């Protein structure tokens, strides 16, 4: 079962209280702020490609023990070359 636990309206001028850094994009900062109270509870995050980034995946798994599933835009910064070069057959994941 999937539940919406927290939501917020993203307003560009009034962004997240978690500051973005070179290794944490602003979209990742929004996700980290929303999930702050859920870290370490054994939850998995399902996310779309607007918020997905390699930095967010690493931070969630390594720093917060939170699993992450989602799509990734291949033109995002810091996408590993192995991922970018991988060609999938139709219907494969």
Protein backbone atom coordinates (compact mmCIF):
# COMPACT_ATOMS: atom_id res chain seq x y z
CA UNK A 1 0.00 0.00 0.00
CA UNK A 2 1.22 3.53 -0.77
CA UNK A 3 0.37 6.55 1.36
CA UNK A 4 1.00 10.25 0.96
CA UNK A 5 2.43 11.23 4.34
CA UNK A 6 3.69 14.77 3.80
CA UNK A 7 3.35 17.29 1.02
CA UNK A 8 4.25 20.90 0.46
CA UNK A 9 3.84 23.36 -2.34
CA UNK A 10 7.21 24.16 -3.83
CA UNK A 11 7.63 27.89 -4.36
CA UNK A 12 10.91 28.78 -6.00
CA UNK A 13 11.48 32.01 -4.03
CA UNK A 14 10.68 30.36 -0.70
CA UNK A 15 12.48 27.06 -1.06
CA UNK A 16 13.28 24.41 1.51
CA UNK A 17 14.83 25.20 4.87
CA UNK A 18 17.47 22.57 4.06
CA UNK A 19 20.07 24.45 2.07
CA UNK A 20 21.16 23.07 -1.26
CA UNK A 21 24.89 22.53 -1.73
CA UNK A 22 27.00 21.48 -4.71
CA UNK A 23 26.49 17.82 -3.68
CA UNK A 24 22.79 18.24 -2.77
CA UNK A 25 20.59 19.81 -5.49
CA UNK A 26 17.60 21.94 -4.44
CA UNK A 27 15.14 19.23 -5.47
CA UNK A 28 16.99 16.77 -3.21
CA UNK A 29 16.88 19.29 -0.35
CA UNK A 30 13.08 19.42 -0.68
CA UNK A 31 12.84 15.63 -0.44
CA UNK A 32 15.20 15.51 2.55
CA UNK A 33 13.17 18.14 4.37
CA UNK A 34 9.88 16.31 3.80
CA UNK A 35 11.29 12.96 4.96
CA UNK A 36 13.17 14.24 7.99
CA UNK A 37 10.83 12.64 10.54
CA UNK A 38 10.71 9.30 8.67
CA UNK A 39 14.43 8.53 8.47
CA UNK A 40 15.49 5.27 10.06
CA UNK A 41 11.95 3.85 10.16
CA UNK A 42 12.44 1.25 7.42
CA UNK A 43 10.46 3.08 4.76
CA UNK A 44 11.17 3.07 1.03
CA UNK A 45 10.73 6.18 -1.08
CA UNK A 46 9.15 5.99 -4.55
CA UNK A 47 9.98 9.13 -6.51
CA UNK A 48 9.60 10.57 -10.01
CA UNK A 49 12.37 11.83 -12.26
CA UNK A 50 11.93 15.53 -11.37
CA UNK A 51 13.36 14.88 -7.90
CA UNK A 52 15.65 11.94 -8.73
CA UNK A 53 19.40 12.39 -8.64
CA UNK A 54 22.40 10.19 -7.89
CA UNK A 55 23.24 12.49 -4.96
CA UNK A 56 19.80 12.01 -3.40
CA UNK A 57 19.97 8.22 -3.80
CA UNK A 58 23.41 8.09 -2.11
CA UNK A 59 22.40 10.43 0.71
CA UNK A 60 19.18 8.54 1.46
CA UNK A 61 20.87 5.13 1.49
CA UNK A 62 24.17 5.96 3.18
CA UNK A 63 23.22 8.72 5.64
CA UNK A 64 19.59 7.83 6.38
CA UNK A 65 19.23 4.07 5.68
CA UNK A 66 16.25 4.79 3.44
CA UNK A 67 15.65 2.82 0.24
CA UNK A 68 14.90 4.72 -2.96
CA UNK A 69 13.11 3.60 -6.13
CA UNK A 70 12.40 5.80 -9.12
CA UNK A 71 13.13 6.93 -12.62
CA UNK A 72 16.19 8.98 -13.53
CA UNK A 73 16.76 11.51 -16.29
CA UNK A 74 19.98 10.46 -17.96
CA UNK A 75 20.96 14.08 -18.65
CA UNK A 76 21.17 14.86 -14.89
CA UNK A 77 24.52 15.88 -13.47
CA UNK A 78 26.65 13.12 -11.93
CA UNK A 79 24.85 10.19 -13.57
CA UNK A 80 27.48 7.42 -13.67
CA UNK A 81 28.81 6.64 -17.15
CA UNK A 82 27.88 2.96 -16.73
CA UNK A 83 24.23 3.94 -16.21
CA UNK A 84 24.22 6.44 -19.07
CA UNK A 85 25.76 3.95 -21.52
CA UNK A 86 23.47 1.04 -20.60
CA UNK A 87 21.00 0.15 -23.35
CA UNK A 88 17.90 -1.79 -22.30
CA UNK A 89 15.73 -3.87 -24.55
CA UNK A 90 12.10 -2.82 -24.85
CA UNK A 91 10.15 -4.00 -21.82
CA UNK A 92 13.24 -4.54 -19.61
CA UNK A 93 14.21 -2.67 -16.49
